Amino acid sequence: MLVIRMARAGTKKRPFYHIVLADSRSPRDGRFIERLGYFNPLMPKDKEERLKLDLDKVQAWMKKGAQPSDRVLRFLDKAGIAKRPARSNPEKAVPRKERKAKAAEAAAAPAA
């Protein structure tokens, strides 16, 4: 299975990532088929040099069955190429019993 993922480069505490197409069985920083772009997390978010992707190559490989990793899928969603699935845990944001009880007590108590 082909995966579009990030391979770490750079030095200690100075990360730099290559976005590569690799076989899913190869190691993270190991053998890859093609380099598709890069990501530099140390750059400010508004800089254009922070992320560079060859979108034509990415689309071509995805048509051939390559699956993007979660992080790469975020980049592609922002570029408008692929859509990230909606988050499917609606109960995570619901307050628990104790929190609901505290909120009810606070609402019932007169403001001092």
PDB file of N, CA and C in Angstrom:
ATOM      1  N   MET A   1       0.845  -1.182   0.000  1.00  0.00           N
ATOM      2  CA  MET A   1       0.000   0.000   0.000  1.00  0.00           C
ATOM      3  C   MET A   1       0.884   1.237   0.000  1.00  0.00           C
ATOM      4  N   LEU A   2       0.542   2.211  -0.826  1.00  0.00           N
ATOM      5  CA  LEU A   2       1.302   3.446  -0.923  1.00  0.00           C
ATOM      6  C   LEU A   2       0.729   4.495   0.023  1.00  0.00           C
ATOM      7  N   VAL A   3       1.622   5.226   0.678  1.00  0.00           N
ATOM      8  CA  VAL A   3       1.218   6.239   1.654  1.00  0.00           C
ATOM      9  C   VAL A   3       1.948   7.540   1.351  1.00  0.00           C
ATOM     10  N   ILE A   4       1.219   8.642   1.438  1.00  0.00           N
ATOM     11  CA  ILE A   4       1.834   9.966   1.350  1.00  0.00           C
ATOM     12  C   ILE A   4       2.003  10.422   2.781  1.00  0.00           C
ATOM     13  N   ARG A   5       3.257  10.539   3.224  1.00  0.00           N
ATOM     14  CA  ARG A   5       3.516  10.862   4.624  1.00  0.00           C
ATOM     15  C   ARG A   5       4.725  11.768   4.750  1.00  0.00           C
ATOM     16  N   MET A   6       5.019  12.147   5.992  1.00  0.00           N
ATOM     17  CA  MET A   6       6.153  13.023   6.246  1.00  0.00           C
ATOM     18  C   MET A   6       7.330  12.202   6.761  1.00  0.00           C
ATOM     19  N   ALA A   7       8.524  12.565   6.269  1.00  0.00           N
ATOM     20  CA  ALA A   7       9.755  11.951   6.731  1.00  0.00           C
ATOM     21  C   ALA A   7      10.574  13.050   7.402  1.00  0.00           C
ATOM     22  N   ARG A   8      10.995  12.813   8.628  1.00  0.00           N
ATOM     23  CA  ARG A   8      11.707  13.843   9.377  1.00  0.00           C
ATOM     24  C   ARG A   8      13.145  13.986   8.892  1.00  0.00           C
ATOM     25  N   ALA A   9      13.555  15.235   8.805  1.00  0.00           N
ATOM     26  CA  ALA A   9      14.939  15.570   8.486  1.00  0.00           C
ATOM     27  C   ALA A   9      15.329  16.681   9.459  1.00  0.00           C
ATOM     28  N   GLY A  10      16.429  17.339   9.227  1.00  0.00           N
ATOM     29  CA  GLY A  10      16.847  18.400  10.119  1.00  0.00           C
ATOM     30  C   GLY A  10      17.634  17.840  11.291  1.00  0.00           C
ATOM     31  N   THR A  11      18.029  18.725  12.176  1.00  0.00           N
ATOM     32  CA  THR A  11      18.854  18.318  13.299  1.00  0.00           C
ATOM     33  C   THR A  11      18.019  18.233  14.575  1.00  0.00           C
ATOM     34  N   LYS A  12      18.690  17.918  15.665  1.00  0.00           N
ATOM     35  CA  LYS A  12      18.025  17.820  16.945  1.00  0.00           C
ATOM     36  C   LYS A  12      17.374  19.162  17.306  1.00  0.00           C
ATOM     37  N   LYS A  13      16.111  19.125  17.663  1.00  0.00           N
ATOM     38  CA  LYS A  13      15.311  20.290  18.062  1.00  0.00           C
ATOM     39  C   LYS A  13      15.121  21.307  16.934  1.00  0.00           C
ATOM     40  N   ARG A  14      15.422  20.929  15.699  1.00  0.00           N
ATOM     41  CA  ARG A  14      15.202  21.788  14.528  1.00  0.00           C
ATOM     42  C   ARG A  14      14.549  20.949  13.432  1.00  0.00           C
ATOM     43  N   PRO A  15      13.285  20.554  13.610  1.00  0.00           N
ATOM     44  CA  PRO A  15      12.670  19.633  12.660  1.00  0.00           C
ATOM     45  C   PRO A  15      12.418  20.253  11.287  1.00  0.00           C
ATOM     46  N   PHE A  16      12.474  19.410  10.304  1.00  0.00           N
ATOM     47  CA  PHE A  16      12.148  19.748   8.919  1.00  0.00           C
ATOM     48  C   PHE A  16      11.612  18.463   8.317  1.00  0.00           C
ATOM     49  N   TYR A  17      10.516  18.537   7.612  1.00  0.00           N
ATOM     50  CA  TYR A  17       9.889  17.317   7.106  1.00  0.00           C
ATOM     51  C   TYR A  17       9.800  17.335   5.589  1.00  0.00           C
ATOM     52  N   HIS A  18      10.152  16.216   4.965  1.00  0.00           N
ATOM     53  CA  HIS A  18       9.923  16.007   3.548  1.00  0.00           C
ATOM     54  C   HIS A  18       8.593  15.269   3.430  1.00  0.00           C
ATOM     55  N   ILE A  19       7.772  15.688   2.498  1.00  0.00           N
ATOM     56  CA  ILE A  19       6.525  14.968   2.243  1.00  0.00           C
ATOM     57  C   ILE A  19       6.827  14.015   1.091  1.00  0.00           C
ATOM     58  N   VAL A  20       6.697  12.723   1.380  1.00  0.00           N
ATOM     59  CA  VAL A  20       7.138  11.703   0.431  1.00  0.00           C
ATOM     60  C   VAL A  20       6.033  10.684   0.168  1.00  0.00           C
ATOM     61  N   LEU A  21       6.195   9.994  -0.938  1.00  0.00           N
ATOM     62  CA  LEU A  21       5.362   8.849  -1.252  1.00  0.00           C
ATOM     63  C   LEU A  21       6.200   7.617  -0.959  1.00  0.00           C
ATOM     64  N   ALA A  22       5.691   6.751  -0.095  1.00  0.00           N
ATOM     65  CA  ALA A  22       6.469   5.582   0.323  1.00  0.00           C
ATOM     66  C   ALA A  22       5.556   4.372   0.444  1.00  0.00           C
ATOM     67  N   ASP A  23       6.184   3.211   0.478  1.00  0.00           N
ATOM     68  CA  ASP A  23       5.459   1.984   0.790  1.00  0.00           C
ATOM     69  C   ASP A  23       5.182   2.015   2.286  1.00  0.00           C
ATOM     70  N   SER A  24       4.010   1.558   2.687  1.00  0.00           N
ATOM     71  CA  SER A  24       3.634   1.636   4.095  1.00  0.00           C
ATOM     72  C   SER A  24       4.532   0.777   4.975  1.00  0.00           C
ATOM     73  N   ARG A  25       5.222  -0.206   4.405  1.00  0.00           N
ATOM     74  CA  ARG A  25       6.078  -1.089   5.198  1.00  0.00           C
ATOM     75  C   ARG A  25       7.480  -0.529   5.406  1.00  0.00           C
ATOM     76  N   SER A  26       7.848   0.521   4.672  1.00  0.00           N
ATOM     77  CA  SER A  26       9.190   1.091   4.826  1.00  0.00           C
ATOM     78  C   SER A  26       9.242   1.998   6.049  1.00  0.00           C
ATOM     79  N   PRO A  27      10.424   2.165   6.646  1.00  0.00           N
ATOM     80  CA  PRO A  27      10.538   3.004   7.848  1.00  0.00           C
ATOM     81  C   PRO A  27      10.221   4.475   7.567  1.00  0.00           C
ATOM     82  N   ARG A  28       9.886   5.203   8.623  1.00  0.00           N
ATOM     83  CA  ARG A  28       9.463   6.601   8.479  1.00  0.00           C
ATOM     84  C   ARG A  28      10.483   7.446   7.712  1.00  0.00           C
ATOM     85  N   ASP A  29      11.732   7.358   8.085  1.00  0.00           N
ATOM     86  CA  ASP A  29      12.764   8.175   7.451  1.00  0.00           C
ATOM     87  C   ASP A  29      13.555   7.378   6.421  1.00  0.00           C
ATOM     88  N   GLY A  30      13.068   6.210   6.052  1.00  0.00           N
ATOM     89  CA  GLY A  30      13.809   5.329   5.162  1.00  0.00           C
ATOM     90  C   GLY A  30      13.463   5.512   3.696  1.00  0.00           C
ATOM     91  N   ARG A  31      13.392   4.391   3.032  1.00  0.00           N
ATOM     92  CA  ARG A  31      13.213   4.368   1.590  1.00  0.00           C
ATOM     93  C   ARG A  31      11.867   4.974   1.183  1.00  0.00           C
ATOM     94  N   PHE A  32      11.870   5.752   0.097  1.00  0.00           N
ATOM     95  CA  PHE A  32      10.642   6.332  -0.431  1.00  0.00           C
ATOM     96  C   PHE A  32      10.684   6.279  -1.947  1.00  0.00           C
ATOM     97  N   ILE A  33       9.533   6.467  -2.563  1.00  0.00           N
ATOM     98  CA  ILE A  33       9.422   6.372  -4.014  1.00  0.00           C
ATOM     99  C   ILE A  33       9.643   7.729  -4.669  1.00  0.00           C
ATOM    100  N   GLU A  34       8.988   8.752  -4.111  1.00  0.00           N
ATOM    101  CA  GLU A  34       9.098  10.081  -4.703  1.00  0.00           C
ATOM    102  C   GLU A  34       8.900  11.149  -3.640  1.00  0.00           C
ATOM    103  N   ARG A  35       9.635  12.238  -3.764  1.00  0.00           N
ATOM    104  CA  ARG A  35       9.470  13.380  -2.863  1.00  0.00           C
ATOM    105  C   ARG A  35       8.438  14.321  -3.481  1.00  0.00           C
ATOM    106  N   LEU A  36       7.427  14.682  -2.691  1.00  0.00           N
ATOM    107  CA  LEU A  36       6.327  15.493  -3.202  1.00  0.00           C
ATOM    108  C   LEU A  36       6.308  16.921  -2.668  1.00  0.00           C
ATOM    109  N   GLY A  37       7.121  17.205  -1.660  1.00  0.00           N
ATOM    110  CA  GLY A  37       7.155  18.546  -1.108  1.00  0.00           C
ATOM    111  C   GLY A  37       7.864  18.561   0.221  1.00  0.00           C
ATOM    112  N   TYR A  38       7.699  19.659   0.958  1.00  0.00           N
ATOM    113  CA  TYR A  38       8.318  19.768   2.276  1.00  0.00           C
ATOM    114  C   TYR A  38       7.449  20.592   3.201  1.00  0.00           C
ATOM    115  N   PHE A  39       7.739  20.498   4.507  1.00  0.00           N
ATOM    116  CA  PHE A  39       7.046  21.250   5.546  1.00  0.00           C
ATOM    117  C   PHE A  39       8.076  21.674   6.575  1.00  0.00           C
ATOM    118  N   ASN A  40       8.109  22.975   6.870  1.00  0.00           N
ATOM    119  CA  ASN A  40       9.037  23.514   7.852  1.00  0.00           C
ATOM    120  C   ASN A  40       8.235  24.115   9.005  1.00  0.00           C
ATOM    121  N   PRO A  41       8.048  23.367  10.117  1.00  0.00           N
ATOM    122  CA  PRO A  41       7.211  23.869  11.214  1.00  0.00           C
ATOM    123  C   PRO A  41       7.817  25.036  11.982  1.00  0.00           C
ATOM    124  N   LEU A  42       9.088  25.336  11.769  1.00  0.00           N
ATOM    125  CA  LEU A  42       9.719  26.442  12.488  1.00  0.00           C
ATOM    126  C   LEU A  42       9.407  27.799  11.859  1.00  0.00           C
ATOM    127  N   MET A  43       8.915  27.788  10.645  1.00  0.00           N
ATOM    128  CA  MET A  43       8.561  29.044   9.964  1.00  0.00           C
ATOM    129  C   MET A  43       7.244  29.563  10.523  1.00  0.00           C
ATOM    130  N   PRO A  44       7.025  30.879  10.494  1.00  0.00           N
ATOM    131  CA  PRO A  44       5.732  31.425  10.905  1.00  0.00           C
ATOM    132  C   PRO A  44       4.614  30.916   9.982  1.00  0.00           C
ATOM    133  N   LYS A  45       3.412  30.825  10.517  1.00  0.00           N
ATOM    134  CA  LYS A  45       2.305  30.231   9.761  1.00  0.00           C
ATOM    135  C   LYS A  45       1.911  31.035   8.526  1.00  0.00           C
ATOM    136  N   ASP A  46       2.209  32.326   8.512  1.00  0.00           N
ATOM    137  CA  ASP A  46       1.813  33.137   7.364  1.00  0.00           C
ATOM    138  C   ASP A  46       2.826  33.100   6.217  1.00  0.00           C
ATOM    139  N   LYS A  47       3.991  32.509   6.438  1.00  0.00           N
ATOM    140  CA  LYS A  47       5.019  32.435   5.393  1.00  0.00           C
ATOM    141  C   LYS A  47       4.653  31.376   4.362  1.00  0.00           C
ATOM    142  N   GLU A  48       4.903  31.679   3.100  1.00  0.00           N
ATOM    143  CA  GLU A  48       4.607  30.735   2.020  1.00  0.00           C
ATOM    144  C   GLU A  48       5.610  29.583   1.984  1.00  0.00           C
ATOM    145  N   GLU A  49       6.828  29.813   2.475  1.00  0.00           N
ATOM    146  CA  GLU A  49       7.876  28.782   2.436  1.00  0.00           C
ATOM    147  C   GLU A  49       7.676  27.710   3.507  1.00  0.00           C
ATOM    148  N   ARG A  50       6.684  27.852   4.373  1.00  0.00           N
ATOM    149  CA  ARG A  50       6.435  26.876   5.436  1.00  0.00           C
ATOM    150  C   ARG A  50       6.014  25.529   4.860  1.00  0.00           C
ATOM    151  N   LEU A  51       5.212  25.540   3.809  1.00  0.00           N
ATOM    152  CA  LEU A  51       4.711  24.311   3.197  1.00  0.00           C
ATOM    153  C   LEU A  51       4.772  24.441   1.687  1.00  0.00           C
ATOM    154  N   LYS A  52       5.365  23.449   1.055  1.00  0.00           N
ATOM    155  CA  LYS A  52       5.385  23.403  -0.410  1.00  0.00           C
ATOM    156  C   LYS A  52       4.996  21.996  -0.822  1.00  0.00           C
ATOM    157  N   LEU A  53       3.990  21.892  -1.670  1.00  0.00           N
ATOM    158  CA  LEU A  53       3.516  20.604  -2.163  1.00  0.00           C
ATOM    159  C   LEU A  53       3.363  20.666  -3.668  1.00  0.00           C
ATOM    160  N   ASP A  54       3.764  19.612  -4.358  1.00  0.00           N
ATOM    161  CA  ASP A  54       3.499  19.492  -5.780  1.00  0.00           C
ATOM    162  C   ASP A  54       2.110  18.863  -5.907  1.00  0.00           C
ATOM    163  N   LEU A  55       1.097  19.703  -5.985  1.00  0.00           N
ATOM    164  CA  LEU A  55      -0.285  19.242  -5.932  1.00  0.00           C
ATOM    165  C   LEU A  55      -0.660  18.347  -7.104  1.00  0.00           C
ATOM    166  N   ASP A  56      -0.055  18.586  -8.264  1.00  0.00           N
ATOM    167  CA  ASP A  56      -0.359  17.742  -9.422  1.00  0.00           C
ATOM    168  C   ASP A  56       0.113  16.311  -9.187  1.00  0.00           C
ATOM    169  N   LYS A  57       1.321  16.176  -8.649  1.00  0.00           N
ATOM    170  CA  LYS A  57       1.846  14.833  -8.360  1.00  0.00           C
ATOM    171  C   LYS A  57       1.030  14.142  -7.267  1.00  0.00           C
ATOM    172  N   VAL A  58       0.638  14.916  -6.250  1.00  0.00           N
ATOM    173  CA  VAL A  58      -0.160  14.347  -5.158  1.00  0.00           C
ATOM    174  C   VAL A  58      -1.483  13.811  -5.695  1.00  0.00           C
ATOM    175  N   GLN A  59      -2.152  14.597  -6.523  1.00  0.00           N
ATOM    176  CA  GLN A  59      -3.423  14.157  -7.087  1.00  0.00           C
ATOM    177  C   GLN A  59      -3.242  12.924  -7.962  1.00  0.00           C
ATOM    178  N   ALA A  60      -2.180  12.896  -8.757  1.00  0.00           N
ATOM    179  CA  ALA A  60      -1.934  11.751  -9.629  1.00  0.00           C
ATOM    180  C   ALA A  60      -1.724  10.484  -8.810  1.00  0.00           C
ATOM    181  N   TRP A  61      -0.945  10.579  -7.724  1.00  0.00           N
ATOM    182  CA  TRP A  61      -0.694   9.399  -6.895  1.00  0.00           C
ATOM    183  C   TRP A  61      -1.944   8.975  -6.138  1.00  0.00           C
ATOM    184  N   MET A  62      -2.754   9.932  -5.717  1.00  0.00           N
ATOM    185  CA  MET A  62      -3.989   9.579  -5.013  1.00  0.00           C
ATOM    186  C   MET A  62      -4.965   8.866  -5.947  1.00  0.00           C
ATOM    187  N   LYS A  63      -4.965   9.242  -7.229  1.00  0.00           N
ATOM    188  CA  LYS A  63      -5.802   8.545  -8.205  1.00  0.00           C
ATOM    189  C   LYS A  63      -5.335   7.110  -8.396  1.00  0.00           C
ATOM    190  N   LYS A  64      -4.037   6.877  -8.172  1.00  0.00           N
ATOM    191  CA  LYS A  64      -3.492   5.525  -8.292  1.00  0.00           C
ATOM    192  C   LYS A  64      -3.665   4.717  -7.007  1.00  0.00           C
ATOM    193  N   GLY A  65      -4.242   5.333  -5.971  1.00  0.00           N
ATOM    194  CA  GLY A  65      -4.544   4.593  -4.751  1.00  0.00           C
ATOM    195  C   GLY A  65      -3.713   4.941  -3.537  1.00  0.00           C
ATOM    196  N   ALA A  66      -2.853   5.943  -3.622  1.00  0.00           N
ATOM    197  CA  ALA A  66      -2.041   6.334  -2.461  1.00  0.00           C
ATOM    198  C   ALA A  66      -2.930   6.996  -1.412  1.00  0.00           C
ATOM    199  N   GLN A  67      -2.700   6.654  -0.138  1.00  0.00           N
ATOM    200  CA  GLN A  67      -3.477   7.192   0.967  1.00  0.00           C
ATOM    201  C   GLN A  67      -2.642   8.212   1.740  1.00  0.00           C
ATOM    202  N   PRO A  68      -3.136   9.434   1.947  1.00  0.00           N
ATOM    203  CA  PRO A  68      -2.375  10.405   2.745  1.00  0.00           C
ATOM    204  C   PRO A  68      -2.488  10.100   4.234  1.00  0.00           C
ATOM    205  N   SER A  69      -1.430  10.416   4.980  1.00  0.00           N
ATOM    206  CA  SER A  69      -1.476  10.274   6.433  1.00  0.00           C
ATOM    207  C   SER A  69      -2.375  11.372   6.996  1.00  0.00           C
ATOM    208  N   ASP A  70      -2.663  11.305   8.290  1.00  0.00           N
ATOM    209  CA  ASP A  70      -3.561  12.284   8.913  1.00  0.00           C
ATOM    210  C   ASP A  70      -3.046  13.709   8.750  1.00  0.00           C
ATOM    211  N   ARG A  71      -1.779  13.917   9.021  1.00  0.00           N
ATOM    212  CA  ARG A  71      -1.208  15.261   8.950  1.00  0.00           C
ATOM    213  C   ARG A  71      -1.184  15.767   7.508  1.00  0.00           C
ATOM    214  N   VAL A  72      -0.812  14.918   6.570  1.00  0.00           N
ATOM    215  CA  VAL A  72      -0.780  15.329   5.163  1.00  0.00           C
ATOM    216  C   VAL A  72      -2.205  15.602   4.678  1.00  0.00           C
ATOM    217  N   LEU A  73      -3.172  14.847   5.173  1.00  0.00           N
ATOM    218  CA  LEU A  73      -4.560  15.075   4.798  1.00  0.00           C
ATOM    219  C   LEU A  73      -5.023  16.459   5.257  1.00  0.00           C
ATOM    220  N   ARG A  74      -4.517  16.920   6.391  1.00  0.00           N
ATOM    221  CA  ARG A  74      -4.829  18.285   6.837  1.00  0.00           C
ATOM    222  C   ARG A  74      -4.316  19.309   5.830  1.00  0.00           C
ATOM    223  N   PHE A  75      -3.090  19.118   5.352  1.00  0.00           N
ATOM    224  CA  PHE A  75      -2.523  20.037   4.358  1.00  0.00           C
ATOM    225  C   PHE A  75      -3.353  20.020   3.078  1.00  0.00           C
ATOM    226  N   LEU A  76      -3.748  18.825   2.645  1.00  0.00           N
ATOM    227  CA  LEU A  76      -4.519  18.693   1.408  1.00  0.00           C
ATOM    228  C   LEU A  76      -5.918  19.281   1.572  1.00  0.00           C
ATOM    229  N   ASP A  77      -6.490  19.162   2.757  1.00  0.00           N
ATOM    230  CA  ASP A  77      -7.801  19.748   3.025  1.00  0.00           C
ATOM    231  C   ASP A  77      -7.716  21.266   2.939  1.00  0.00           C
ATOM    232  N   LYS A  78      -6.656  21.822   3.481  1.00  0.00           N
ATOM    233  CA  LYS A  78      -6.466  23.271   3.441  1.00  0.00           C
ATOM    234  C   LYS A  78      -6.248  23.763   2.007  1.00  0.00           C
ATOM    235  N   ALA A  79      -5.593  22.915   1.180  1.00  0.00           N
ATOM    236  CA  ALA A  79      -5.360  23.267  -0.218  1.00  0.00           C
ATOM    237  C   ALA A  79      -6.595  23.027  -1.084  1.00  0.00           C
ATOM    238  N   GLY A  80      -7.584  22.308  -0.539  1.00  0.00           N
ATOM    239  CA  GLY A  80      -8.812  22.069  -1.278  1.00  0.00           C
ATOM    240  C   GLY A  80      -8.774  20.836  -2.165  1.00  0.00           C
ATOM    241  N   ILE A  81      -7.822  19.948  -1.948  1.00  0.00           N
ATOM    242  CA  ILE A  81      -7.695  18.748  -2.792  1.00  0.00           C
ATOM    243  C   ILE A  81      -8.472  17.574  -2.215  1.00  0.00           C
ATOM    244  N   ALA A  82      -8.343  17.336  -0.933  1.00  0.00           N
ATOM    245  CA  ALA A  82      -9.016  16.205  -0.285  1.00  0.00           C
ATOM    246  C   ALA A  82      -9.833  16.741   0.882  1.00  0.00           C
ATOM    247  N   LYS A  83     -10.852  16.015   1.238  1.00  0.00           N
ATOM    248  CA  LYS A  83     -11.706  16.439   2.351  1.00  0.00           C
ATOM    249  C   LYS A  83     -11.447  15.554   3.552  1.00  0.00           C
ATOM    250  N   ARG A  84     -11.191  16.174   4.693  1.00  0.00           N
ATOM    251  CA  ARG A  84     -11.009  15.423   5.930  1.00  0.00           C
ATOM    252  C   ARG A  84     -12.355  14.988   6.447  1.00  0.00           C
ATOM    253  N   PRO A  85     -12.466  13.768   6.961  1.00  0.00           N
ATOM    254  CA  PRO A  85     -13.749  13.348   7.510  1.00  0.00           C
ATOM    255  C   PRO A  85     -14.086  14.149   8.770  1.00  0.00           C
ATOM    256  N   ALA A  86     -15.376  14.322   9.000  1.00  0.00           N
ATOM    257  CA  ALA A  86     -15.818  15.061  10.180  1.00  0.00           C
ATOM    258  C   ALA A  86     -15.457  14.276  11.435  1.00  0.00           C
ATOM    259  N   ARG A  87     -15.216  14.986  12.512  1.00  0.00           N
ATOM    260  CA  ARG A  87     -14.902  14.318  13.776  1.00  0.00           C
ATOM    261  C   ARG A  87     -16.155  13.616  14.259  1.00  0.00           C
ATOM    262  N   SER A  88     -15.983  12.411  14.753  1.00  0.00           N
ATOM    263  CA  SER A  88     -17.156  11.613  15.076  1.00  0.00           C
ATOM    264  C   SER A  88     -17.223  11.214  16.546  1.00  0.00           C
ATOM    265  N   ASN A  89     -16.959  12.147  17.447  1.00  0.00           N
ATOM    266  CA  ASN A  89     -17.071  11.848  18.867  1.00  0.00           C
ATOM    267  C   ASN A  89     -17.865  12.967  19.535  1.00  0.00           C
ATOM    268  N   PRO A  90     -19.182  13.013  19.322  1.00  0.00           N
ATOM    269  CA  PRO A  90     -19.960  14.116  19.880  1.00  0.00           C
ATOM    270  C   PRO A  90     -20.058  14.091  21.399  1.00  0.00           C
ATOM    271  N   GLU A  91     -19.845  12.946  22.031  1.00  0.00           N
ATOM    272  CA  GLU A  91     -19.956  12.864  23.488  1.00  0.00           C
ATOM    273  C   GLU A  91     -18.733  13.424  24.205  1.00  0.00           C
ATOM    274  N   LYS A  92     -17.653  13.658  23.480  1.00  0.00           N
ATOM    275  CA  LYS A  92     -16.429  14.119  24.117  1.00  0.00           C
ATOM    276  C   LYS A  92     -16.605  15.518  24.720  1.00  0.00           C
ATOM    277  N   ALA A  93     -17.400  16.358  24.082  1.00  0.00           N
ATOM    278  CA  ALA A  93     -17.567  17.730  24.545  1.00  0.00           C
ATOM    279  C   ALA A  93     -18.676  17.881  25.581  1.00  0.00           C
ATOM    280  N   VAL A  94     -19.441  16.833  25.827  1.00  0.00           N
ATOM    281  CA  VAL A  94     -20.544  16.909  26.770  1.00  0.00           C
ATOM    282  C   VAL A  94     -19.987  16.882  28.203  1.00  0.00           C
ATOM    283  N   PRO A  95     -20.400  17.842  29.064  1.00  0.00           N
ATOM    284  CA  PRO A  95     -19.905  17.837  30.437  1.00  0.00           C
ATOM    285  C   PRO A  95     -20.373  16.596  31.206  1.00  0.00           C
ATOM    286  N   ARG A  96     -19.558  16.159  32.139  1.00  0.00           N
ATOM    287  CA  ARG A  96     -19.915  14.992  32.948  1.00  0.00           C
ATOM    288  C   ARG A  96     -20.838  15.403  34.090  1.00  0.00           C
ATOM    289  N   LYS A  97     -21.310  14.411  34.855  1.00  0.00           N
ATOM    290  CA  LYS A  97     -22.286  14.657  35.921  1.00  0.00           C
ATOM    291  C   LYS A  97     -21.793  15.702  36.915  1.00  0.00           C
ATOM    292  N   GLU A  98     -20.548  15.541  37.368  1.00  0.00           N
ATOM    293  CA  GLU A  98     -20.019  16.448  38.393  1.00  0.00           C
ATOM    294  C   GLU A  98     -19.989  17.885  37.877  1.00  0.00           C
ATOM    295  N   ARG A  99     -19.574  18.045  36.644  1.00  0.00           N
ATOM    296  CA  ARG A  99     -19.470  19.381  36.064  1.00  0.00           C
ATOM    297  C   ARG A  99     -20.857  19.990  35.888  1.00  0.00           C
ATOM    298  N   LYS A 100     -21.825  19.167  35.488  1.00  0.00           N
ATOM    299  CA  LYS A 100     -23.198  19.657  35.344  1.00  0.00           C
ATOM    300  C   LYS A 100     -23.757  20.097  36.697  1.00  0.00           C
ATOM    301  N   ALA A 101     -23.457  19.312  37.751  1.00  0.00           N
ATOM    302  CA  ALA A 101     -23.949  19.639  39.096  1.00  0.00           C
ATOM    303  C   ALA A 101     -23.341  20.961  39.571  1.00  0.00           C
ATOM    304  N   LYS A 102     -22.038  21.159  39.352  1.00  0.00           N
ATOM    305  CA  LYS A 102     -21.391  22.416  39.753  1.00  0.00           C
ATOM    306  C   LYS A 102     -21.997  23.602  39.009  1.00  0.00           C
ATOM    307  N   ALA A 103     -22.266  23.428  37.725  1.00  0.00           N
ATOM    308  CA  ALA A 103     -22.851  24.499  36.916  1.00  0.00           C
ATOM    309  C   ALA A 103     -24.252  24.839  37.419  1.00  0.00           C
ATOM    310  N   ALA A 104     -25.013  23.814  37.792  1.00  0.00           N
ATOM    311  CA  ALA A 104     -26.367  24.048  38.313  1.00  0.00           C
ATOM    312  C   ALA A 104     -26.305  24.784  39.651  1.00  0.00           C
ATOM    313  N   GLU A 105     -25.363  24.411  40.525  1.00  0.00           N
ATOM    314  CA  GLU A 105     -25.200  25.091  41.817  1.00  0.00           C
ATOM    315  C   GLU A 105     -24.808  26.542  41.615  1.00  0.00           C
ATOM    316  N   ALA A 106     -23.906  26.785  40.674  1.00  0.00           N
ATOM    317  CA  ALA A 106     -23.463  28.136  40.431  1.00  0.00           C
ATOM    318  C   ALA A 106     -24.594  29.002  39.879  1.00  0.00           C
ATOM    319  N   ALA A 107     -25.449  28.424  39.057  1.00  0.00           N
ATOM    320  CA  ALA A 107     -26.572  29.161  38.494  1.00  0.00           C
ATOM    321  C   ALA A 107     -27.631  29.440  39.551  1.00  0.00           C
ATOM    322  N   ALA A 108     -27.799  28.500  40.482  1.00  0.00           N
ATOM    323  CA  ALA A 108     -28.813  28.646  41.521  1.00  0.00           C
ATOM    324  C   ALA A 108     -28.384  29.602  42.627  1.00  0.00           C
ATOM    325  N   ALA A 109     -27.097  29.709  42.868  1.00  0.00           N
ATOM    326  CA  ALA A 109     -26.592  30.567  43.943  1.00  0.00           C
ATOM    327  C   ALA A 109     -26.783  32.038  43.551  1.00  0.00           C
ATOM    328  N   PRO A 110     -27.192  32.884  44.506  1.00  0.00           N
ATOM    329  CA  PRO A 110     -27.361  34.316  44.206  1.00  0.00           C
ATOM    330  C   PRO A 110     -25.998  34.978  43.990  1.00  0.00           C
ATOM    331  N   ALA A 111     -25.973  35.909  43.094  1.00  0.00           N
ATOM    332  CA  ALA A 111     -24.725  36.639  42.799  1.00  0.00           C
ATOM    333  C   ALA A 111     -24.411  37.567  43.963  1.00  0.00           C
ATOM    334  N   ALA A 112     -23.197  37.545  44.430  1.00  0.00           N
ATOM    335  CA  ALA A 112     -22.832  38.369  45.582  1.00  0.00           C
ATOM    336  C   ALA A 112     -22.191  39.652  45.167  1.00  0.00           C
TER     337      ALA A 112
END
